[in-house]
Amino acid sequence: MAVNFRGGRHTQFQRQAASASPSGRATRFGVKCEIPKRGATPKAVAGEDIRGAASRRAPLEKSNLFKAKFVPFFKNESDPNESYDLDEVIYRSKTGGLLDVQHDMESLAIYGPEYWKALFDERVGKTSWPYGSGVWSKKEWVLPGIGDEDIVSMFEGNSNLFWAERFGKETLGMTDLWVKQCGNTHTGSFKDLGMTVLVSQVNRLRKTLGKPLVACGCASTGDTSAALSAYCAAAAIPSIVFLPKDKISVSQLVQPIANGALVLSIDTDFDGCMRLIREVTAELPIYLANSLNSLRLEGQKTAAIEILQQFNWEVPQWVIIPGGNLGNVYAFHKGFKMAMDLGLTDSLPRMVVAQAQNANPLYQSFKTGFAEKISMSAESTFASAIQIGDPVSIDRAISALKECDGIVEEATEEELMDAAARADLTGMFNCPHTGVALAALIKLREAGTINSDDRTVVISTAHGLKFTNSKIAYHEKTIEGFASTYANPPLDVKDDFGSVMDVLKGKLEY
């Protein structure tokens, strides 16, 4: 049942909490949930910064019980207890598979759902270090063992949830359409959410544990390199970036350059860059920063928890995510599932992964019922950040989609650019990747898969200002083979009153 965003309905757990005993205790995972004491951040004293004030804050009661570790994403049948400390530099399991970060859910469940809601809500928008960050306000669910002094944060996250009122009503006949503006962050993309976690852990490994890591490195189609270089610069950690030559926008390229990264422009595609960075990090003490590293997904999952928070802990029916390397798909699912497993919500949203037709291996796999895992040579797409034909996290994404009854849709180049332009005309300013998600939404509405009153959230992964070249080409109608149906080019007018009036009379309704 959809609800108006000005109101809401109580979930099962909220109703239980309302009728609970004064102690606020309940039972989850076979243990009693308690309402613990929360340590307030002391006021800064003269000459002290917010880190100093945080160092005098009493820790959350029983927080020493919170643990997390690396485990194989798919259980190793020959070694079912395989696990690794988060302080180990490791990216693959013994069998070569992906790793996942596993939290001690029983310890987290000692604190009941109403406590977690209150704690997270209390921290939003504050300047208390590091809780002013949308990621670190949920520190206990992200990286519980790290000290506040090692965290590298730019108070990322807390991005706005935009009610797409006009686009929803006029284009789609929808009243409950939202766009999560993950690009409204420090470097202009959702990658900041994961990079603050990864770079913070590297900072801890170098500074606190003395591990000889000389740099962080990544392969990137643009946004990852921007986030990595910025966070490394803030922590005085060298960063190295492998970029596919001539395949990303100038605004994306200039970010790592400006932040002092060592940028290698390599004559290959993203998959080629990924292969090379994995080979390099296997030989040199450079910490791999791609989403192959599951630490990043711990930060990215907080966007899902943030969406729940913004809806007063109500679960939307649909979440539509642009998909490239596919780590973000699993990250969102993990955030939603963690909230459900700890009793903050009682269901999962259905997820839609939207892919550009020119780079759609997950869509092709979906069409086979996931019977086949497909890789391809990705063709050029305006949605350059998802121009990936051999996604590292395809297994993670398939697992998430199966659990939430998710689907996959695709968009052609013209469909994604038209969708972005149509939405821009209602007040947004979308990147091409958001255009892919919007195009998928249009198709699913036309097919009747998504209903007019379904609460639906489109994930906008980057800021449109990073992709002005493609927008200019669209509005100038210079893209070969495109009708550019929604183009709005400037009009050349002579320097006289009559000419100006003629144009205005022809365009205005009065």
Protein backbone atom coordinates (compact mmCIF):
# COMPACT_ATOMS: atom_id res chain seq x y z
CA MET A 1 0.00 0.00 0.00
CA ALA A 2 1.44 3.35 -1.01
CA VAL A 3 1.20 6.26 1.38
CA ASN A 4 1.41 9.99 0.86
CA PHE A 5 4.86 11.32 1.68
CA ARG A 6 3.35 13.75 4.19
CA GLY A 7 1.98 10.87 6.24
CA GLY A 8 2.80 7.24 6.87
CA ARG A 9 1.73 3.97 8.39
CA HIS A 10 3.19 2.10 11.34
CA THR A 11 5.21 -1.00 10.58
CA GLN A 12 4.80 -4.20 12.55
CA PHE A 13 7.88 -3.38 14.61
CA GLN A 14 6.77 0.18 15.33
CA ARG A 15 3.43 -1.15 16.61
CA GLN A 16 5.24 -3.69 18.77
CA ALA A 17 7.53 -1.01 20.16
CA ALA A 18 4.58 1.24 20.96
CA SER A 19 3.02 -1.49 23.10
CA ALA A 20 6.28 -2.72 24.61
CA SER A 21 7.10 -2.57 28.29
CA PRO A 22 8.80 0.59 29.65
CA SER A 23 12.16 -1.17 29.55
CA GLY A 24 11.86 -1.25 25.74
CA ARG A 25 13.08 -4.83 25.61
CA ALA A 26 12.19 -7.26 22.86
CA THR A 27 13.72 -10.43 21.49
CA ARG A 28 15.66 -10.77 18.22
CA PHE A 29 18.02 -13.63 17.29
CA GLY A 30 17.22 -15.25 20.64
CA VAL A 31 18.68 -12.41 22.72
CA LYS A 32 17.09 -9.59 24.67
CA CYS A 33 17.16 -6.20 22.98
CA GLU A 34 18.09 -3.42 25.36
CA ILE A 35 17.87 0.34 25.31
CA PRO A 36 21.48 1.29 26.10
CA LYS A 37 22.98 4.56 27.15
CA ARG A 38 24.23 6.83 24.40
CA GLY A 39 27.35 8.88 24.94
CA ALA A 40 26.87 12.54 24.01
CA THR A 41 29.70 14.32 22.23
CA PRO A 42 31.35 16.74 24.66
CA LYS A 43 31.54 20.40 23.72
CA ALA A 44 34.89 21.39 22.25
CA VAL A 45 37.21 23.19 24.60
CA ALA A 46 39.38 26.15 23.63
CA GLY A 47 41.84 25.25 20.88
CA GLU A 48 40.23 21.86 20.26
CA ASP A 49 38.75 20.70 16.96
CA ILE A 50 35.84 18.30 16.42
CA ARG A 51 38.16 15.29 16.34
CA GLY A 52 39.47 16.26 19.75
CA ALA A 53 35.97 16.61 21.14
CA ALA A 54 35.07 13.19 19.71
CA SER A 55 38.08 11.61 21.44
CA ARG A 56 36.56 12.55 24.81
CA ARG A 57 33.16 11.07 23.97
CA ALA A 58 32.13 8.00 25.93
CA PRO A 59 31.76 5.01 23.59
CA LEU A 60 28.36 3.48 22.93
CA GLU A 61 27.60 1.03 25.72
CA LYS A 62 28.51 -2.55 24.69
CA SER A 63 29.96 -1.31 21.38
CA ASN A 64 32.98 -3.51 22.06
CA LEU A 65 30.74 -6.45 21.16
CA PHE A 66 30.23 -5.27 17.58
CA LYS A 67 32.42 -7.21 15.17
CA ALA A 68 32.77 -7.58 11.41
CA LYS A 69 34.95 -9.80 9.24
CA PHE A 70 35.54 -10.85 5.64
CA VAL A 71 33.87 -14.10 4.58
CA PRO A 72 33.48 -15.70 1.13
CA PHE A 73 30.41 -14.39 -0.66
CA PHE A 74 29.58 -18.00 -1.56
CA LYS A 75 30.30 -20.39 1.29
CA ASN A 76 33.42 -22.47 0.81
CA GLU A 77 32.17 -26.04 1.24
CA SER A 78 35.71 -27.37 1.77
CA ASP A 79 36.37 -24.75 4.48
CA PRO A 80 33.01 -23.54 5.86
CA ASN A 81 34.70 -21.46 8.57
CA GLU A 82 36.89 -19.45 6.17
CA SER A 83 37.06 -15.83 7.31
CA TYR A 84 39.53 -12.97 7.54
CA ASP A 85 40.08 -10.01 9.80
CA LEU A 86 39.20 -6.66 8.18
CA ASP A 87 42.78 -5.58 8.87
CA GLU A 88 44.07 -8.17 6.40
CA VAL A 89 44.85 -7.01 2.86
CA ILE A 90 42.82 -9.53 0.92
CA TYR A 91 40.34 -9.28 -1.94
CA ARG A 92 39.45 -12.88 -2.88
CA SER A 93 38.55 -16.07 -1.04
CA LYS A 94 40.63 -19.25 -1.17
CA THR A 95 38.63 -20.40 -4.18
CA GLY A 96 39.11 -17.08 -5.98
CA GLY A 97 35.59 -15.87 -5.31
CA LEU A 98 34.36 -12.53 -3.99
CA LEU A 99 34.43 -11.65 -0.31
CA ASP A 100 31.70 -10.04 1.75
CA VAL A 101 31.76 -8.14 5.05
CA GLN A 102 29.78 -10.10 7.64
CA HIS A 103 28.56 -8.34 10.79
CA ASP A 104 27.82 -9.98 14.11
CA MET A 105 24.07 -9.57 13.85
CA GLU A 106 23.38 -11.11 17.26
CA SER A 107 25.45 -8.41 18.96
CA LEU A 108 23.75 -5.65 16.95
CA ALA A 109 20.38 -7.17 17.89
CA ILE A 110 21.10 -6.56 21.58
CA TYR A 111 19.92 -3.04 20.78
CA GLY A 112 16.31 -3.04 19.64
CA PRO A 113 15.03 -1.53 16.37
CA GLU A 114 13.59 1.57 18.02
CA TYR A 115 16.96 2.32 19.56
CA TRP A 116 18.75 2.13 16.21
CA LYS A 117 16.15 4.36 14.60
CA ALA A 118 16.50 6.94 17.36
CA LEU A 119 20.29 6.81 17.28
CA PHE A 120 20.54 7.23 13.51
CA ASP A 121 17.91 9.99 13.48
CA GLU A 122 19.67 11.80 16.32
CA ARG A 123 22.96 11.98 14.38
CA VAL A 124 21.60 13.30 11.07
CA GLY A 125 22.96 16.65 9.97
CA LYS A 126 25.13 17.24 13.04
CA THR A 127 28.75 18.37 13.07
CA SER A 128 29.83 15.82 15.70
CA TRP A 129 32.80 13.89 14.35
CA PRO A 130 32.32 11.61 12.47
CA TYR A 131 28.54 11.31 12.77
CA GLY A 132 27.77 14.30 10.57
CA SER A 133 28.47 11.93 7.69
CA GLY A 134 25.53 9.97 6.31
CA VAL A 135 27.85 6.95 6.29
CA TRP A 136 29.48 7.28 9.69
CA SER A 137 26.21 8.19 11.41
CA LYS A 138 25.66 4.42 10.97
CA LYS A 139 29.20 3.50 11.98
CA GLU A 140 28.17 0.48 14.07
CA TRP A 141 26.62 -1.11 10.97
CA VAL A 142 29.54 -0.18 8.68
CA LEU A 143 33.00 -0.51 10.23
CA PRO A 144 32.49 -0.94 13.98
CA GLY A 145 36.11 -1.59 14.89
CA ILE A 146 37.69 1.57 13.48
CA GLY A 147 38.65 4.43 15.78
CA ASP A 148 37.19 7.87 15.11
CA GLU A 149 40.74 9.20 14.81
CA ASP A 150 41.38 7.05 11.70
CA ILE A 151 38.21 8.01 9.82
CA VAL A 152 38.61 10.07 6.64
CA SER A 153 35.31 11.83 5.97
CA MET A 154 33.97 14.85 4.12
CA PHE A 155 30.54 14.48 5.73
CA GLU A 156 29.37 12.63 2.64
CA GLY A 157 25.89 11.19 2.28
CA ASN A 158 22.72 12.74 3.70
CA SER A 159 21.74 13.41 0.08
CA ASN A 160 18.27 14.72 -0.65
CA LEU A 161 15.36 12.57 -1.70
CA PHE A 162 13.77 14.61 -4.47
CA TRP A 163 10.01 14.32 -4.96
CA ALA A 164 9.73 14.19 -8.76
CA GLU A 165 6.22 15.61 -8.65
CA ARG A 166 5.89 17.09 -12.12
CA PHE A 167 7.84 14.41 -14.00
CA GLY A 168 5.97 11.68 -12.16
CA LYS A 169 2.52 13.10 -12.78
CA GLU A 170 2.91 14.44 -16.33
CA THR A 171 5.17 11.78 -17.83
CA LEU A 172 4.26 8.66 -15.90
CA GLY A 173 0.95 9.30 -14.14
CA MET A 174 2.67 8.64 -10.80
CA THR A 175 2.19 10.49 -7.51
CA ASP A 176 4.88 8.86 -5.39
CA LEU A 177 8.03 9.04 -7.52
CA TRP A 178 11.31 10.01 -5.87
CA VAL A 179 14.88 10.49 -7.02
CA LYS A 180 17.66 9.83 -4.53
CA GLN A 181 20.28 12.43 -5.44
CA CYS A 182 23.44 10.48 -4.60
CA GLY A 183 25.40 12.79 -6.90
CA ASN A 184 24.85 15.69 -4.50
CA THR A 185 28.00 14.89 -2.59
CA HIS A 186 31.62 15.99 -2.38
CA THR A 187 32.99 14.61 -5.68
CA GLY A 188 29.63 14.43 -7.42
CA SER A 189 28.81 10.72 -7.29
CA PHE A 190 27.68 7.95 -4.95
CA LYS A 191 31.23 6.58 -4.97
CA ASP A 192 32.05 8.88 -2.04
CA LEU A 193 29.91 6.68 0.22
CA GLY A 194 32.14 3.67 -0.30
CA MET A 195 35.42 5.49 -0.61
CA THR A 196 35.21 7.10 2.82
CA VAL A 197 35.08 3.59 4.31
CA LEU A 198 37.88 2.13 2.20
CA VAL A 199 40.28 5.06 2.63
CA SER A 200 39.53 5.21 6.35
CA GLN A 201 40.53 1.56 6.67
CA VAL A 202 43.70 2.16 4.65
CA ASN A 203 44.46 5.13 6.90
CA ARG A 204 44.09 2.83 9.91
CA LEU A 205 46.32 0.17 8.33
CA ARG A 206 49.06 2.70 7.55
CA LYS A 207 48.88 4.99 10.57
CA THR A 208 47.67 2.86 13.45
CA LEU A 209 48.85 -0.62 12.46
CA GLY A 210 51.97 0.41 10.52
CA LYS A 211 51.31 -1.69 7.41
CA PRO A 212 53.61 -0.75 4.49
CA LEU A 213 50.97 0.30 1.96
CA VAL A 214 52.48 2.89 -0.38
CA ALA A 215 49.28 3.97 -2.18
CA CYS A 216 45.68 3.22 -3.11
CA GLY A 217 44.91 2.35 -6.72
CA CYS A 218 41.85 1.84 -8.88
CA ALA A 219 40.65 1.29 -12.43
CA SER A 220 37.93 3.75 -13.27
CA THR A 221 35.53 5.12 -15.85
CA GLY A 222 35.61 8.43 -13.95
CA ASP A 223 33.63 8.59 -10.73
CA THR A 224 35.67 6.05 -8.75
CA SER A 225 38.89 7.88 -9.58
CA ALA A 226 37.40 11.21 -8.49
CA ALA A 227 36.32 9.80 -5.13
CA LEU A 228 39.53 7.89 -4.48
CA SER A 229 41.81 10.82 -5.32
CA ALA A 230 39.83 13.25 -3.12
CA TYR A 231 39.74 11.04 -0.03
CA CYS A 232 43.37 10.02 -0.42
CA ALA A 233 44.35 13.68 -0.77
CA ALA A 234 42.51 14.49 2.47
CA ALA A 235 44.45 11.75 4.27
CA ALA A 236 47.81 12.43 2.55
CA ILE A 237 47.78 8.97 0.99
CA PRO A 238 49.15 8.67 -2.58
CA SER A 239 46.56 7.56 -5.15
CA ILE A 240 47.00 5.91 -8.54
CA VAL A 241 44.31 5.81 -11.21
CA PHE A 242 44.07 3.69 -14.38
CA LEU A 243 41.65 5.34 -16.83
CA PRO A 244 40.53 4.11 -20.27
CA LYS A 245 41.90 6.61 -22.78
CA ASP A 246 39.37 8.95 -24.46
CA LYS A 247 36.37 7.26 -22.81
CA ILE A 248 35.47 9.63 -19.95
CA SER A 249 34.37 13.24 -19.74
CA VAL A 250 36.88 16.06 -19.20
CA SER A 251 35.13 17.03 -15.93
CA GLN A 252 35.65 13.50 -14.63
CA LEU A 253 39.28 13.40 -15.75
CA VAL A 254 40.18 16.71 -14.17
CA GLN A 255 39.08 15.68 -10.67
CA PRO A 256 41.86 13.12 -9.97
CA ILE A 257 44.37 15.39 -11.68
CA ALA A 258 43.40 18.31 -9.44
CA ASN A 259 43.61 16.13 -6.33
CA GLY A 260 47.15 15.06 -7.12
CA ALA A 261 46.60 11.47 -8.23
CA LEU A 262 49.02 9.69 -10.52
CA VAL A 263 46.77 9.24 -13.57
CA LEU A 264 47.61 6.65 -16.22
CA SER A 265 45.52 7.01 -19.39
CA ILE A 266 45.60 3.52 -20.90
CA ASP A 267 44.62 2.60 -24.44
CA THR A 268 41.99 0.01 -23.43
CA ASP A 269 38.50 -0.16 -21.96
CA PHE A 270 37.48 -0.37 -18.29
CA ASP A 271 37.78 -4.15 -18.23
CA GLY A 272 41.35 -3.87 -19.51
CA CYS A 273 42.17 -1.28 -16.83
CA MET A 274 40.64 -3.55 -14.20
CA ARG A 275 42.78 -6.47 -15.31
CA LEU A 276 45.94 -4.35 -15.13
CA ILE A 277 45.24 -2.85 -11.69
CA ARG A 278 44.59 -6.32 -10.27
CA GLU A 279 47.94 -7.50 -11.66
CA VAL A 280 49.74 -4.44 -10.29
CA THR A 281 48.23 -4.66 -6.79
CA ALA A 282 49.23 -8.34 -6.65
CA GLU A 283 52.89 -7.30 -7.14
CA LEU A 284 53.15 -3.96 -5.31
CA PRO A 285 51.95 -2.81 -1.85
CA ILE A 286 49.13 -0.77 -3.40
CA TYR A 287 45.68 -1.20 -1.85
CA LEU A 288 43.00 -2.06 -4.42
CA ALA A 289 40.12 0.41 -4.26
CA ASN A 290 37.66 -1.02 -6.81
CA SER A 291 34.32 -2.53 -5.76
CA LEU A 292 35.97 -5.94 -5.94
CA ASN A 293 36.96 -4.75 -2.46
CA SER A 294 33.83 -5.31 -0.36
CA LEU A 295 34.69 -2.55 2.14
CA ARG A 296 33.31 0.02 -0.32
CA LEU A 297 29.94 -1.68 -0.40
CA GLU A 298 29.64 -1.17 3.37
CA GLY A 299 29.57 2.57 2.80
CA GLN A 300 27.34 2.40 -0.27
CA LYS A 301 24.71 0.35 1.58
CA THR A 302 24.05 3.31 3.88
CA ALA A 303 22.20 5.07 1.04
CA ALA A 304 19.54 2.37 1.33
CA ILE A 305 19.27 2.86 5.09
CA GLU A 306 19.11 6.61 4.48
CA ILE A 307 16.15 6.16 2.11
CA LEU A 308 14.30 4.24 4.82
CA GLN A 309 15.12 6.99 7.30
CA GLN A 310 13.81 9.66 4.94
CA PHE A 311 10.53 7.73 4.58
CA ASN A 312 10.18 7.45 8.37
CA TRP A 313 11.32 3.81 8.12
CA GLU A 314 8.72 2.88 5.50
CA VAL A 315 9.86 0.60 2.64
CA PRO A 316 9.29 1.77 -0.95
CA GLN A 317 7.82 -0.73 -3.39
CA TRP A 318 10.51 -0.21 -6.05
CA VAL A 319 14.12 0.97 -6.21
CA ILE A 320 15.64 1.48 -9.67
CA ILE A 321 19.44 1.45 -9.91
CA PRO A 322 21.73 2.05 -12.92
CA GLY A 323 24.00 -0.99 -13.20
CA GLY A 324 27.57 -1.24 -14.48
CA ASN A 325 30.05 -3.12 -12.31
CA LEU A 326 26.99 -4.02 -10.18
CA GLY A 327 28.50 -3.57 -6.71
CA ASN A 328 25.97 -0.85 -5.92
CA VAL A 329 23.07 -3.21 -6.66
CA TYR A 330 24.23 -5.59 -3.95
CA ALA A 331 25.09 -2.72 -1.61
CA PHE A 332 21.55 -1.33 -1.72
CA HIS A 333 20.09 -4.78 -1.18
CA LYS A 334 22.43 -5.35 1.76
CA GLY A 335 21.37 -2.09 3.41
CA PHE A 336 17.67 -2.86 3.02
CA LYS A 337 18.13 -6.44 4.23
CA MET A 338 20.17 -5.44 7.27
CA ALA A 339 17.42 -3.04 8.33
CA MET A 340 14.84 -5.79 7.89
CA ASP A 341 16.88 -8.44 9.71
CA LEU A 342 17.35 -6.13 12.71
CA GLY A 343 13.64 -5.36 12.84
CA LEU A 344 13.66 -1.74 11.66
CA THR A 345 11.47 -2.71 8.69
CA ASP A 346 9.41 -5.73 7.72
CA SER A 347 10.02 -6.15 3.98
CA LEU A 348 12.39 -5.59 1.08
CA PRO A 349 11.72 -3.34 -1.91
CA ARG A 350 11.79 -4.89 -5.35
CA MET A 351 14.88 -3.70 -7.19
CA VAL A 352 15.23 -2.91 -10.87
CA VAL A 353 18.70 -2.84 -12.42
CA ALA A 354 18.79 -0.54 -15.45
CA GLN A 355 21.53 -1.11 -18.02
CA ALA A 356 22.54 0.68 -21.18
CA GLN A 357 21.84 -1.56 -24.17
CA ASN A 358 25.44 -1.11 -25.29
CA ALA A 359 26.71 -2.62 -22.01
CA ASN A 360 24.01 -5.00 -20.78
CA PRO A 361 25.47 -8.34 -19.65
CA LEU A 362 23.16 -8.56 -16.62
CA TYR A 363 20.10 -7.85 -18.78
CA GLN A 364 21.12 -10.61 -21.18
CA SER A 365 21.61 -12.97 -18.25
CA PHE A 366 18.21 -11.98 -16.82
CA LYS A 367 16.56 -12.88 -20.12
CA THR A 368 17.86 -16.44 -19.61
CA GLY A 369 16.44 -16.57 -16.09
CA PHE A 370 20.02 -16.14 -14.84
CA ALA A 371 20.79 -19.59 -16.24
CA GLU A 372 23.84 -18.08 -17.92
CA LYS A 373 26.37 -15.54 -16.67
CA ILE A 374 27.17 -13.40 -19.67
CA SER A 375 30.16 -11.16 -20.36
CA MET A 376 30.58 -9.02 -23.43
CA SER A 377 32.71 -6.37 -25.02
CA ALA A 378 30.90 -3.21 -24.01
CA GLU A 379 30.21 -0.69 -26.75
CA SER A 380 30.43 3.07 -26.33
CA THR A 381 27.60 4.63 -24.32
CA PHE A 382 26.82 8.11 -23.03
CA ALA A 383 26.42 6.41 -19.65
CA SER A 384 30.19 5.94 -19.54
CA ALA A 385 30.42 4.99 -15.86
CA ILE A 386 28.41 1.82 -16.56
CA GLN A 387 30.15 0.95 -19.83
CA ILE A 388 31.28 -2.39 -18.42
CA GLY A 389 30.91 -5.71 -20.18
CA ASP A 390 32.41 -8.03 -17.56
CA PRO A 391 31.08 -6.78 -14.20
CA VAL A 392 33.00 -7.90 -11.12
CA SER A 393 29.89 -8.08 -8.94
CA ILE A 394 27.52 -9.93 -11.26
CA ASP A 395 27.18 -12.82 -8.78
CA ARG A 396 26.36 -10.38 -5.99
CA ALA A 397 23.76 -8.62 -8.14
CA ILE A 398 22.07 -11.86 -9.24
CA SER A 399 21.88 -13.04 -5.64
CA ALA A 400 20.28 -9.75 -4.57
CA LEU A 401 17.77 -9.75 -7.42
CA LYS A 402 16.70 -13.31 -6.70
CA GLU A 403 16.10 -12.51 -3.04
CA CYS A 404 13.99 -9.40 -3.68
CA ASP A 405 12.18 -10.66 -6.81
CA GLY A 406 14.01 -8.02 -8.83
CA ILE A 407 14.12 -7.45 -12.56
CA VAL A 408 16.51 -6.00 -15.15
CA GLU A 409 15.66 -3.56 -17.94
CA GLU A 410 17.72 -1.89 -20.67
CA ALA A 411 17.71 1.42 -22.51
CA THR A 412 19.06 2.41 -25.92
CA GLU A 413 21.28 5.46 -26.26
CA GLU A 414 18.43 7.59 -27.58
CA GLU A 415 16.04 6.34 -24.88
CA LEU A 416 18.42 7.22 -22.06
CA MET A 417 19.23 10.67 -23.43
CA ASP A 418 15.56 11.42 -24.11
CA ALA A 419 14.57 10.30 -20.61
CA ALA A 420 17.22 12.50 -19.00
CA ALA A 421 16.14 15.49 -21.13
CA ARG A 422 12.44 14.98 -20.31
CA ALA A 423 13.22 14.90 -16.60
CA ASP A 424 15.50 17.94 -16.89
CA LEU A 425 12.57 19.87 -18.33
CA THR A 426 10.76 19.34 -15.01
CA GLY A 427 13.57 20.80 -12.90
CA MET A 428 16.14 18.02 -12.59
CA PHE A 429 19.63 17.96 -14.10
CA ASN A 430 20.42 14.32 -14.68
CA CYS A 431 23.53 12.39 -15.59
CA PRO A 432 23.17 9.86 -18.43
CA HIS A 433 23.19 6.98 -15.93
CA THR A 434 20.13 8.38 -14.22
CA GLY A 435 18.69 8.67 -17.73
CA VAL A 436 19.11 4.89 -18.06
CA ALA A 437 17.13 4.36 -14.85
CA LEU A 438 14.42 6.81 -15.91
CA ALA A 439 14.13 5.18 -19.33
CA ALA A 440 13.72 1.80 -17.62
CA LEU A 441 11.00 3.28 -15.41
CA ILE A 442 9.13 4.64 -18.43
CA LYS A 443 9.17 1.18 -20.02
CA LEU A 444 8.01 -0.53 -16.84
CA ARG A 445 5.15 1.93 -16.42
CA GLU A 446 4.08 1.41 -20.02
CA ALA A 447 4.14 -2.36 -19.46
CA GLY A 448 2.08 -2.02 -16.27
CA THR A 449 4.81 -3.63 -14.16
CA ILE A 450 5.01 -0.58 -11.89
CA ASN A 451 1.66 0.85 -10.83
CA SER A 452 0.74 4.52 -10.72
CA ASP A 453 0.58 4.60 -6.90
CA ASP A 454 3.69 2.49 -6.22
CA ARG A 455 6.23 4.35 -4.16
CA THR A 456 9.26 4.24 -6.44
CA VAL A 457 12.79 5.54 -5.89
CA VAL A 458 15.19 6.15 -8.79
CA ILE A 459 18.84 6.21 -7.75
CA SER A 460 20.68 9.12 -9.37
CA THR A 461 24.29 8.05 -9.16
CA ALA A 462 26.13 11.19 -10.29
CA HIS A 463 25.65 14.91 -10.80
CA GLY A 464 24.62 16.11 -14.25
CA LEU A 465 27.33 18.79 -14.20
CA LYS A 466 29.90 16.05 -14.76
CA PHE A 467 28.32 15.26 -18.14
CA THR A 468 27.66 18.61 -19.75
CA ASN A 469 29.28 17.64 -23.05
CA SER A 470 26.64 15.03 -23.81
CA LYS A 471 23.86 17.42 -22.78
CA ILE A 472 25.21 20.15 -25.04
CA ALA A 473 25.42 17.73 -27.97
CA TYR A 474 21.82 16.62 -27.34
CA HIS A 475 20.41 20.15 -27.23
CA GLU A 476 22.49 21.24 -30.23
CA LYS A 477 21.10 18.23 -32.11
CA THR A 478 24.57 17.13 -33.18
CA ILE A 479 24.29 13.47 -32.12
CA GLU A 480 24.19 11.37 -35.27
CA GLY A 481 20.98 9.40 -35.66
CA PHE A 482 19.18 11.15 -32.78
CA ALA A 483 15.99 13.13 -33.22
CA SER A 484 16.75 14.88 -29.90
CA THR A 485 13.00 15.19 -29.39
CA TYR A 486 13.27 17.20 -26.19
CA ALA A 487 16.11 19.49 -27.26
CA ASN A 488 15.86 23.15 -26.24
CA PRO A 489 18.56 25.00 -28.20
CA PRO A 490 19.06 28.77 -27.81
CA LEU A 491 17.49 30.91 -30.53
CA ASP A 492 19.52 33.44 -32.52
CA VAL A 493 17.69 36.80 -32.61
CA LYS A 494 18.58 40.12 -34.23
CA ASP A 495 19.42 43.07 -32.02
CA ASP A 496 16.11 44.92 -32.30
CA PHE A 497 12.88 45.09 -30.32
CA GLY A 498 10.63 43.84 -33.10
CA SER A 499 12.62 40.67 -33.67
CA VAL A 500 12.66 39.90 -29.96
CA MET A 501 8.90 40.51 -29.70
CA ASP A 502 8.20 38.27 -32.70
CA VAL A 503 10.04 35.39 -31.06
CA LEU A 504 8.37 35.91 -27.67
CA LYS A 505 4.85 36.14 -29.21
CA GLY A 506 5.49 32.90 -31.07
CA LYS A 507 6.67 31.06 -27.96
CA LEU A 508 4.55 32.43 -25.10
CA GLU A 509 0.96 31.68 -24.29
CA TYR A 510 -0.91 34.77 -23.06
